[in-house]
Amino acid sequence: MKFSNRYSKLLFLERFIGNYLVNLKKAAPRFELGIKDLQSSALPLGHAADEVLVESINDPNNNTTHSILIICNGHGEDVIALEIIKRLLKKIKINHIEVLPLVGNGDVFNCLDSKSFHKIGHLKELPSGGFSNQSLKGFMLDLLAGFLIDTLKNFLLVKQKSKNTCKIIAVGDFLPLFFAWSSGCEFSFIGTPKSDHTWSSGPGWALSDFYHKLKGSEWDPWEILLMKSPRCKTLIMRDEITANNLNRRKIPAKYLGNPMMDFVYENNEKISNVINFQRIIVLIGSRYPEALNNLARFLDCLKDLNLAKDSLFLLPLTSNANEIKITSYLKKYGFLKHSKVHFMVGEDSVWRNKEKYILIGKGKFNLWANMAIVGLSNAGTATEQITGLGVPSLSLPGNGPQFTKSFAKRQSRLLGGSVMVCGSKKILLRRLILLLNKQNYRLEQAKVGKERMGKPGASKKIVDCINLNLLS
């Protein structure tokens, strides 16, 4: 199919959805009221406020002369968007900034306290955790939870933006890119989740790898068409190889570094408190109940781990973690709480089973990531971040919906093998002992990972580039 035909079909799809949503909006006032009444007692405090903000921000009498809408669709994308917003708020000429998270409630943005910033949209935690493309079951559960309706409503919000006064920054993959393009506004796109390392690094025998090799990019033809829009003022990729491959197609993509490395500390003075321990960080992910299953898999491995030196396992938890359930798993695998033992590294509690210690701490990832020498990681963004710090890791994928075997293999290729996928507990234990005991091997793995992730400082360069090409 020729590109021109695909472009025409995209235009037809955009116009069809737009016309449908306009008619839906005209017929929806009574339906909307009923939905709000039903949800008022079930949704977290602040959801109704988000709906009010949507209406007031789009008031035709609003005299705002320059506004920015940031659209993002994932945990890692939210974190990157947060850093961009923090930097944009320092720009005097920016009168108003909105963020539209397409996955989850966007809780990461709750830390921002500015009259110039608002979180908008129809926000909801999905059963799949935003990974409906990983399985048919997850997709069906998301549909039943109202994913399609909420997506259409959010699409309508974007369509209401003024082409003359609103600029859009899309962070993610196809969906935010399509939303930005269909708005008619000028926009910038930060393509964070896709990298050509995933198919150009071996072994590459999956059907998808041959598909990407045929295209010459992990980005699909319809995404590339949207990138070619004259309204796309800035196009930024997560690594150099992806940007170069797009450049060969005469698409002016830039690589300015990986912004994910701007959110973790490279050094920690408190490491002296635990320097004599074998330090392993355990990353179980942020999507529950899958995270609990990941924890159980790792704890099952640890019960058979025998080391000559005392080992310290750092278990940073996300804000949505249920500590009661976490601690019940620790007790099940023989760990007991030690109230009189303190490592003084910001831990909430200490747990021990013979020569093994586990430290639990909510929101301690940034503090602990640089303390580890090895990681046990069934996570997405966090795995990439410890890799960028020079911490090689091992994964033991389960049933998902996020961290499946295919996801883990793709992640391993993305990071140059610095995170190794283990097919069984036996393989994981053998590789863990090797990484802990063979420093040269560990440093070799770490070097590859750091090269793939790049150095910190990208966020400032990205904001400067957007300010110059989109906002000036």
Protein backbone atom coordinates (compact mmCIF):
# COMPACT_ATOMS: atom_id res chain seq x y z
CA MET A 1 0.00 0.00 0.00
CA LYS A 2 1.37 3.40 -0.91
CA PHE A 3 2.02 6.01 1.78
CA SER A 4 -0.42 8.41 0.11
CA ASN A 5 -3.24 5.88 0.48
CA ARG A 6 -2.39 5.31 4.15
CA TYR A 7 -2.28 9.04 4.76
CA SER A 8 -5.73 9.43 3.17
CA LYS A 9 -7.07 6.68 5.39
CA LEU A 10 -5.62 8.34 8.48
CA LEU A 11 -7.30 11.60 7.49
CA PHE A 12 -10.61 9.78 6.96
CA LEU A 13 -10.28 8.03 10.34
CA GLU A 14 -9.49 11.29 12.11
CA ARG A 15 -12.47 13.08 10.52
CA PHE A 16 -14.81 10.17 11.23
CA ILE A 17 -13.85 10.03 14.93
CA GLY A 18 -14.06 13.80 15.21
CA ASN A 19 -17.57 13.95 13.72
CA TYR A 20 -18.71 11.02 15.83
CA LEU A 21 -17.47 12.61 19.04
CA VAL A 22 -19.06 15.96 18.25
CA ASN A 23 -22.43 14.19 17.86
CA LEU A 24 -21.72 12.19 21.02
CA LYS A 25 -21.01 15.36 22.95
CA LYS A 26 -24.32 16.92 21.85
CA ALA A 27 -26.27 13.89 22.99
CA ALA A 28 -24.33 13.21 26.17
CA PRO A 29 -25.19 15.79 28.91
CA ARG A 30 -27.71 13.59 30.76
CA PHE A 31 -25.50 10.49 30.35
CA GLU A 32 -22.46 12.35 31.69
CA LEU A 33 -24.38 13.46 34.77
CA GLY A 34 -25.44 9.91 35.50
CA ILE A 35 -21.90 8.60 35.16
CA LYS A 36 -20.56 11.25 37.55
CA ASP A 37 -23.27 10.44 40.09
CA LEU A 38 -22.41 6.74 39.94
CA GLN A 39 -18.66 7.36 40.21
CA SER A 40 -18.65 9.99 42.95
CA SER A 41 -18.51 7.46 45.79
CA ALA A 42 -16.08 5.07 44.11
CA LEU A 43 -13.36 7.23 42.57
CA PRO A 44 -10.43 8.79 44.42
CA LEU A 45 -10.79 12.32 45.72
CA GLY A 46 -9.76 14.72 42.97
CA HIS A 47 -11.37 12.96 40.01
CA ALA A 48 -14.41 15.23 40.04
CA ALA A 49 -12.12 18.22 40.34
CA ASP A 50 -10.30 17.09 37.19
CA GLU A 51 -13.61 17.11 35.31
CA VAL A 52 -14.37 20.66 36.50
CA LEU A 53 -10.93 21.81 35.43
CA VAL A 54 -11.50 20.41 31.95
CA GLU A 55 -14.56 22.62 31.56
CA SER A 56 -13.04 25.79 33.02
CA ILE A 57 -9.80 25.50 31.07
CA ASN A 58 -11.67 25.17 27.80
CA ASP A 59 -13.96 28.11 28.56
CA PRO A 60 -14.20 30.20 25.35
CA ASN A 61 -13.92 33.33 27.49
CA ASN A 62 -10.52 32.24 28.77
CA ASN A 63 -7.99 34.96 27.84
CA THR A 64 -4.92 32.73 27.97
CA THR A 65 -2.69 33.68 25.05
CA HIS A 66 -0.27 30.78 25.13
CA SER A 67 -0.84 27.30 26.55
CA ILE A 68 0.82 23.89 26.40
CA LEU A 69 -0.81 20.46 26.51
CA ILE A 70 1.39 17.46 27.30
CA ILE A 71 0.01 14.02 26.37
CA CYS A 72 1.68 10.88 27.77
CA ASN A 73 0.78 7.20 27.94
CA GLY A 74 2.73 5.18 30.49
CA HIS A 75 4.62 5.22 33.78
CA GLY A 76 8.00 6.06 32.25
CA GLU A 77 6.40 8.62 29.96
CA ASP A 78 4.68 10.26 32.95
CA VAL A 79 8.02 10.62 34.75
CA ILE A 80 9.62 12.21 31.69
CA ALA A 81 6.63 14.52 31.24
CA LEU A 82 6.89 15.56 34.90
CA GLU A 83 10.50 16.67 34.48
CA ILE A 84 9.62 18.59 31.31
CA ILE A 85 6.73 20.34 33.09
CA LYS A 86 8.98 21.34 36.00
CA ARG A 87 11.37 22.99 33.58
CA LEU A 88 8.63 24.61 31.49
CA LEU A 89 7.03 26.16 34.58
CA LYS A 90 10.22 28.17 34.98
CA LYS A 91 9.66 29.77 31.56
CA ILE A 92 8.07 33.19 32.10
CA LYS A 93 6.17 33.27 28.81
CA ILE A 94 4.30 29.99 29.50
CA ASN A 95 0.90 31.03 30.87
CA HIS A 96 -0.71 27.66 31.23
CA ILE A 97 0.36 23.99 31.16
CA GLU A 98 -1.95 20.97 31.13
CA VAL A 99 -1.11 17.28 31.19
CA LEU A 100 -3.31 14.49 29.85
CA PRO A 101 -2.16 11.04 31.08
CA LEU A 102 -3.71 8.38 28.86
CA VAL A 103 -2.77 5.49 31.20
CA GLY A 104 -3.69 5.46 34.88
CA ASN A 105 -4.54 8.35 37.17
CA GLY A 106 -1.33 10.32 36.61
CA ASP A 107 -0.57 10.33 40.35
CA VAL A 108 3.06 11.24 39.65
CA PHE A 109 1.89 14.77 38.77
CA ASN A 110 0.27 15.36 42.17
CA CYS A 111 3.58 16.69 43.50
CA LEU A 112 3.27 19.80 41.32
CA ASP A 113 1.83 22.83 43.07
CA SER A 114 1.37 25.68 40.60
CA LYS A 115 -1.59 27.77 39.51
CA SER A 116 -0.25 27.49 35.97
CA PHE A 117 -0.51 23.68 35.94
CA HIS A 118 -3.55 21.38 35.70
CA LYS A 119 -4.07 17.68 35.17
CA ILE A 120 -6.99 16.99 32.85
CA GLY A 121 -8.77 14.09 31.21
CA HIS A 122 -10.87 11.06 32.00
CA LEU A 123 -8.40 9.19 34.18
CA LYS A 124 -8.69 5.58 35.27
CA GLU A 125 -6.48 2.69 36.41
CA LEU A 126 -6.96 -0.09 33.88
CA PRO A 127 -7.09 -3.80 34.78
CA SER A 128 -4.11 -4.47 32.50
CA GLY A 129 -2.12 -1.62 34.02
CA GLY A 130 -1.91 -0.03 30.59
CA PHE A 131 -0.50 -3.13 28.89
CA SER A 132 -3.60 -4.26 27.01
CA ASN A 133 -1.44 -4.86 23.92
CA GLN A 134 0.41 -7.64 25.76
CA SER A 135 -2.53 -10.05 25.91
CA LEU A 136 -6.04 -10.54 24.56
CA LYS A 137 -7.34 -11.06 28.11
CA GLY A 138 -5.91 -7.72 29.25
CA PHE A 139 -7.40 -5.99 26.23
CA MET A 140 -10.88 -7.41 26.88
CA LEU A 141 -10.74 -6.47 30.57
CA ASP A 142 -9.75 -2.91 29.63
CA LEU A 143 -12.64 -2.69 27.17
CA LEU A 144 -15.09 -3.80 29.87
CA ALA A 145 -13.60 -1.18 32.21
CA GLY A 146 -14.45 1.58 29.71
CA PHE A 147 -11.05 2.03 28.05
CA LEU A 148 -12.49 2.77 24.59
CA ILE A 149 -15.05 5.29 25.88
CA ASP A 150 -12.46 7.12 28.00
CA THR A 151 -10.04 7.21 25.06
CA LEU A 152 -12.71 8.76 22.82
CA LYS A 153 -13.56 11.34 25.49
CA ASN A 154 -9.90 12.26 25.86
CA PHE A 155 -9.62 12.51 22.09
CA LEU A 156 -12.47 15.03 22.15
CA LEU A 157 -10.66 17.09 24.80
CA VAL A 158 -7.64 17.35 22.54
CA LYS A 159 -9.79 18.25 19.52
CA GLN A 160 -11.19 21.22 21.47
CA LYS A 161 -7.79 22.87 21.79
CA SER A 162 -7.25 26.06 19.86
CA LYS A 163 -4.95 25.70 16.87
CA ASN A 164 -3.77 29.28 17.35
CA THR A 165 -2.95 29.37 21.07
CA CYS A 166 -2.19 25.77 22.09
CA LYS A 167 1.04 23.83 21.53
CA ILE A 168 1.21 20.09 22.21
CA ILE A 169 4.05 17.90 23.47
CA ALA A 170 3.38 14.18 22.97
CA VAL A 171 5.42 11.66 24.98
CA GLY A 172 5.14 7.97 24.15
CA ASP A 173 4.22 6.09 20.99
CA PHE A 174 1.37 6.03 18.48
CA LEU A 175 -1.61 7.12 20.62
CA PRO A 176 -0.21 10.44 21.95
CA LEU A 177 1.36 11.09 18.54
CA PHE A 178 -2.00 10.53 16.82
CA PHE A 179 -3.81 12.73 19.36
CA ALA A 180 -1.31 15.55 18.80
CA TRP A 181 -1.46 15.26 15.01
CA SER A 182 -5.26 15.12 14.87
CA SER A 183 -5.62 18.27 17.01
CA GLY A 184 -4.48 20.53 14.19
CA CYS A 185 -2.05 22.22 16.61
CA GLU A 186 1.70 22.46 16.21
CA PHE A 187 3.41 19.78 18.29
CA SER A 188 6.62 18.12 19.40
CA PHE A 189 7.01 14.37 19.81
CA ILE A 190 9.28 12.51 22.24
CA GLY A 191 9.34 8.86 21.19
CA THR A 192 10.51 7.13 24.36
CA PRO A 193 9.33 3.48 24.21
CA LYS A 194 10.71 2.36 20.86
CA SER A 195 14.31 1.63 19.97
CA ASP A 196 15.94 -0.03 16.99
CA HIS A 197 18.28 -1.83 19.40
CA THR A 198 15.41 -4.25 20.08
CA TRP A 199 15.59 -5.80 16.61
CA SER A 200 19.13 -4.97 15.46
CA SER A 201 20.67 -6.70 18.52
CA GLY A 202 20.58 -10.53 18.45
CA PRO A 203 19.27 -13.11 18.36
CA GLY A 204 16.34 -11.54 16.49
CA TRP A 205 14.47 -14.63 15.32
CA ALA A 206 10.99 -13.46 16.30
CA LEU A 207 8.49 -12.61 13.57
CA SER A 208 8.39 -9.02 14.82
CA ASP A 209 12.18 -8.75 14.37
CA PHE A 210 11.91 -9.64 10.68
CA TYR A 211 9.04 -7.15 10.36
CA HIS A 212 11.14 -4.33 11.85
CA LYS A 213 14.16 -5.24 9.70
CA LEU A 214 11.93 -5.07 6.63
CA LYS A 215 10.77 -1.57 7.64
CA GLY A 216 14.22 -0.43 8.77
CA SER A 217 12.78 0.97 11.99
CA GLU A 218 10.71 -0.14 14.98
CA TRP A 219 8.40 2.77 14.20
CA ASP A 220 5.54 1.72 11.96
CA PRO A 221 4.72 3.35 8.58
CA TRP A 222 1.62 5.13 9.91
CA GLU A 223 3.64 6.58 12.81
CA ILE A 224 6.31 7.76 10.38
CA LEU A 225 3.63 9.46 8.28
CA LEU A 226 2.50 11.47 11.31
CA MET A 227 6.10 12.38 12.11
CA LYS A 228 6.41 13.88 8.63
CA SER A 229 3.64 16.39 9.33
CA PRO A 230 4.77 20.02 8.83
CA ARG A 231 3.14 20.75 12.21
CA CYS A 232 5.62 18.43 13.95
CA LYS A 233 8.26 20.95 14.97
CA THR A 234 10.50 18.71 17.08
CA LEU A 235 11.06 14.96 16.89
CA ILE A 236 13.19 13.39 19.62
CA MET A 237 14.18 9.72 19.96
CA ARG A 238 15.50 7.80 22.96
CA ASP A 239 18.78 6.70 21.36
CA GLU A 240 21.11 7.51 18.50
CA ILE A 241 20.53 4.39 16.39
CA THR A 242 16.79 5.04 16.19
CA ALA A 243 17.27 8.70 15.30
CA ASN A 244 19.83 7.81 12.60
CA ASN A 245 17.53 5.22 11.00
CA LEU A 246 14.75 7.80 10.81
CA ASN A 247 17.20 10.35 9.37
CA ARG A 248 17.87 7.91 6.53
CA ARG A 249 14.18 8.24 5.69
CA LYS A 250 14.62 12.02 5.60
CA ILE A 251 12.85 12.47 8.94
CA PRO A 252 14.64 15.10 11.08
CA ALA A 253 14.75 13.07 14.31
CA LYS A 254 17.16 14.13 17.04
CA TYR A 255 18.91 12.30 19.86
CA LEU A 256 19.63 14.51 22.86
CA GLY A 257 20.24 11.82 25.47
CA ASN A 258 17.92 9.62 27.52
CA PRO A 259 15.81 11.67 29.98
CA MET A 260 15.16 8.62 32.17
CA MET A 261 18.65 9.01 33.61
CA ASP A 262 17.81 12.45 35.02
CA PHE A 263 15.68 11.03 37.85
CA VAL A 264 18.14 8.82 39.72
CA TYR A 265 21.07 9.78 41.93
CA GLU A 266 24.50 8.70 40.72
CA ASN A 267 26.11 8.86 44.18
CA ASN A 268 24.96 8.19 47.73
CA GLU A 269 27.05 9.00 50.80
CA LYS A 270 25.10 6.49 52.90
CA ILE A 271 26.54 3.58 50.95
CA SER A 272 29.36 3.42 53.53
CA ASN A 273 26.79 1.98 55.98
CA VAL A 274 26.31 -1.13 53.83
CA ILE A 275 29.61 -1.34 51.94
CA ASN A 276 30.54 -4.71 53.48
CA PHE A 277 27.41 -6.47 52.19
CA GLN A 278 26.63 -8.08 48.84
CA ARG A 279 24.02 -5.51 47.75
CA ILE A 280 21.19 -6.59 45.43
CA ILE A 281 18.26 -4.36 44.48
CA VAL A 282 14.95 -6.17 43.94
CA LEU A 283 12.52 -4.53 41.51
CA ILE A 284 9.09 -6.14 41.36
CA GLY A 285 7.28 -3.55 39.24
CA SER A 286 4.51 -1.11 40.05
CA ARG A 287 1.46 -2.98 38.74
CA TYR A 288 -0.42 -5.03 41.31
CA PRO A 289 -1.16 -7.89 41.79
CA GLU A 290 1.53 -8.79 39.23
CA ALA A 291 4.19 -7.19 41.45
CA LEU A 292 3.31 -9.59 44.28
CA ASN A 293 3.76 -12.54 41.92
CA ASN A 294 7.16 -11.17 40.92
CA LEU A 295 8.13 -10.83 44.57
CA ALA A 296 7.11 -14.43 45.26
CA ARG A 297 9.24 -15.67 42.35
CA PHE A 298 12.32 -13.85 43.62
CA LEU A 299 11.80 -14.91 47.26
CA ASP A 300 11.50 -18.51 46.10
CA CYS A 301 14.92 -18.14 44.50
CA LEU A 302 16.49 -16.52 47.57
CA LYS A 303 15.61 -19.43 49.85
CA ASP A 304 18.09 -21.57 47.88
CA LEU A 305 20.79 -18.90 47.64
CA ASN A 306 23.93 -19.58 49.66
CA LEU A 307 26.63 -16.92 49.80
CA ALA A 308 29.83 -16.78 51.83
CA LYS A 309 29.20 -13.12 52.56
CA ASP A 310 26.15 -11.51 54.19
CA SER A 311 23.75 -10.24 51.54
CA LEU A 312 21.52 -7.17 51.60
CA PHE A 313 18.44 -7.04 49.39
CA LEU A 314 17.03 -3.56 48.79
CA LEU A 315 13.28 -3.67 48.08
CA PRO A 316 12.00 -0.20 47.10
CA LEU A 317 8.20 -0.03 46.89
CA THR A 318 5.93 2.25 44.91
CA SER A 319 3.37 4.45 46.65
CA ASN A 320 0.52 2.09 45.71
CA ALA A 321 2.13 -0.97 47.35
CA ASN A 322 0.23 -2.80 50.08
CA GLU A 323 2.87 -3.29 52.79
CA ILE A 324 0.72 -5.74 54.71
CA LYS A 325 0.65 -8.09 51.74
CA ILE A 326 4.36 -7.52 51.07
CA THR A 327 5.32 -8.43 54.63
CA SER A 328 3.05 -11.49 54.57
CA TYR A 329 5.09 -12.80 51.64
CA LEU A 330 8.34 -12.16 53.53
CA LYS A 331 7.05 -14.12 56.53
CA LYS A 332 5.92 -16.95 54.27
CA TYR A 333 9.49 -17.35 52.98
CA GLY A 334 11.07 -17.32 56.43
CA PHE A 335 11.99 -13.65 56.92
CA LEU A 336 11.42 -12.09 60.36
CA LYS A 337 11.22 -8.40 61.18
CA HIS A 338 14.15 -6.99 63.19
CA SER A 339 13.18 -3.79 64.96
CA LYS A 340 16.57 -3.42 66.69
CA VAL A 341 18.63 -3.63 63.48
CA HIS A 342 19.18 -0.35 61.62
CA PHE A 343 21.21 0.23 58.47
CA MET A 344 20.48 3.99 58.39
CA VAL A 345 19.90 4.18 54.63
CA GLY A 346 16.31 5.37 54.80
CA GLU A 347 14.70 1.94 55.24
CA ASP A 348 11.17 1.62 56.69
CA SER A 349 11.83 -1.84 58.09
CA VAL A 350 14.47 -4.60 58.22
CA TRP A 351 13.79 -8.30 57.67
CA ARG A 352 16.22 -11.20 58.19
CA ASN A 353 16.55 -14.85 57.29
CA LYS A 354 19.94 -16.18 58.45
CA GLU A 355 22.64 -14.30 56.49
CA LYS A 356 20.12 -12.53 54.22
CA TYR A 357 18.67 -9.09 55.03
CA ILE A 358 15.82 -7.38 53.19
CA LEU A 359 15.22 -3.64 53.53
CA ILE A 360 11.78 -2.26 52.66
CA GLY A 361 11.24 1.40 51.79
CA LYS A 362 8.42 3.21 50.03
CA GLY A 363 9.62 5.72 47.46
CA LYS A 364 13.28 4.78 48.04
CA PHE A 365 14.19 3.71 44.50
CA ASN A 366 16.10 6.89 43.63
CA LEU A 367 18.01 6.65 46.91
CA TRP A 368 18.90 2.96 46.68
CA ALA A 369 19.42 2.38 42.95
CA ASN A 370 23.07 3.44 43.03
CA MET A 371 23.87 1.33 46.13
CA ALA A 372 23.38 -2.02 44.40
CA ILE A 373 25.99 -4.02 42.53
CA VAL A 374 23.43 -6.41 40.97
CA GLY A 375 19.67 -6.30 40.40
CA LEU A 376 16.83 -8.81 40.38
CA SER A 377 14.38 -7.02 38.17
CA ASN A 378 10.96 -7.76 36.72
CA ALA A 379 10.25 -4.11 35.94
CA GLY A 380 10.26 -1.70 33.02
CA THR A 381 11.52 1.84 33.52
CA ALA A 382 13.31 1.08 36.80
CA THR A 383 15.34 -1.68 35.14
CA GLU A 384 16.50 0.72 32.45
CA GLN A 385 17.50 3.25 35.10
CA ILE A 386 19.65 0.88 37.17
CA THR A 387 21.21 -0.31 33.92
CA GLY A 388 22.17 3.30 33.14
CA LEU A 389 23.81 3.49 36.58
CA GLY A 390 25.98 0.48 35.74
CA VAL A 391 24.01 -2.17 37.66
CA PRO A 392 23.58 -5.39 35.64
CA SER A 393 20.48 -7.38 36.47
CA LEU A 394 18.61 -10.65 36.07
CA SER A 395 14.95 -11.09 35.22
CA LEU A 396 12.60 -14.02 35.80
CA PRO A 397 9.47 -13.29 33.74
CA GLY A 398 6.08 -14.62 34.78
CA ASN A 399 2.59 -14.59 33.30
CA GLY A 400 2.27 -10.82 33.03
CA PRO A 401 0.29 -8.90 31.96
CA GLN A 402 3.27 -6.53 31.83
CA PHE A 403 6.44 -8.49 32.42
CA THR A 404 6.05 -11.46 30.10
CA LYS A 405 8.81 -13.53 28.51
CA SER A 406 8.55 -11.62 25.22
CA PHE A 407 8.70 -8.28 27.07
CA ALA A 408 11.79 -9.44 28.99
CA LYS A 409 13.58 -10.59 25.83
CA ARG A 410 12.86 -7.29 24.11
CA GLN A 411 14.16 -5.41 27.15
CA SER A 412 17.34 -7.49 27.19
CA ARG A 413 18.08 -6.66 23.55
CA LEU A 414 17.27 -3.00 24.19
CA LEU A 415 19.86 -2.88 26.98
CA GLY A 416 22.55 -4.88 25.19
CA GLY A 417 22.20 -7.96 27.39
CA SER A 418 23.03 -6.09 30.61
CA VAL A 419 19.76 -7.50 31.92
CA MET A 420 19.74 -11.26 31.38
CA VAL A 421 16.50 -13.21 31.03
CA CYS A 422 16.44 -16.38 33.13
CA GLY A 423 14.16 -19.24 32.20
CA SER A 424 14.28 -20.92 35.62
CA LYS A 425 15.26 -20.46 39.26
CA LYS A 426 18.34 -22.62 38.74
CA ILE A 427 19.62 -20.44 35.89
CA LEU A 428 18.97 -17.24 37.87
CA LEU A 429 20.89 -18.47 40.93
CA ARG A 430 23.85 -19.59 38.83
CA ARG A 431 24.06 -16.23 37.04
CA LEU A 432 23.53 -14.26 40.26
CA ILE A 433 26.45 -15.98 41.98
CA LEU A 434 28.60 -15.38 38.89
CA LEU A 435 27.78 -11.65 38.84
CA LEU A 436 28.41 -11.28 42.56
CA ASN A 437 31.73 -13.16 42.56
CA LYS A 438 33.24 -12.14 39.20
CA GLN A 439 33.84 -8.40 39.26
CA ASN A 440 35.33 -8.24 35.76
CA TYR A 441 32.27 -9.98 34.29
CA ARG A 442 29.97 -7.65 36.24
CA LEU A 443 31.80 -4.55 35.04
CA GLU A 444 31.72 -5.76 31.44
CA GLN A 445 27.93 -6.11 31.61
CA ALA A 446 27.63 -2.74 33.32
CA LYS A 447 29.63 -0.97 30.61
CA VAL A 448 27.30 -2.13 27.85
CA GLY A 449 24.23 -1.02 29.79
CA LYS A 450 25.60 2.45 30.53
CA GLU A 451 26.43 2.94 26.85
CA ARG A 452 22.87 1.97 25.84
CA MET A 453 21.19 4.31 28.35
CA GLY A 454 23.47 7.33 27.98
CA LYS A 455 24.39 10.05 30.44
CA PRO A 456 22.03 12.28 32.46
CA GLY A 457 21.20 15.83 31.39
CA ALA A 458 18.86 15.09 28.47
CA SER A 459 15.79 16.75 30.00
CA LYS A 460 17.32 20.22 29.87
CA LYS A 461 18.45 19.72 26.27
CA ILE A 462 15.01 18.46 25.26
CA VAL A 463 13.21 21.42 26.86
CA ASP A 464 15.65 23.88 25.26
CA CYS A 465 15.09 22.25 21.87
CA ILE A 466 11.29 22.35 22.24
CA ASN A 467 11.42 25.94 23.45
CA LEU A 468 13.44 26.93 20.39
CA ASN A 469 11.50 25.03 17.74
CA LEU A 470 7.95 24.86 19.08
CA LEU A 471 7.41 27.62 21.62
CA SER A 472 9.47 30.48 20.20
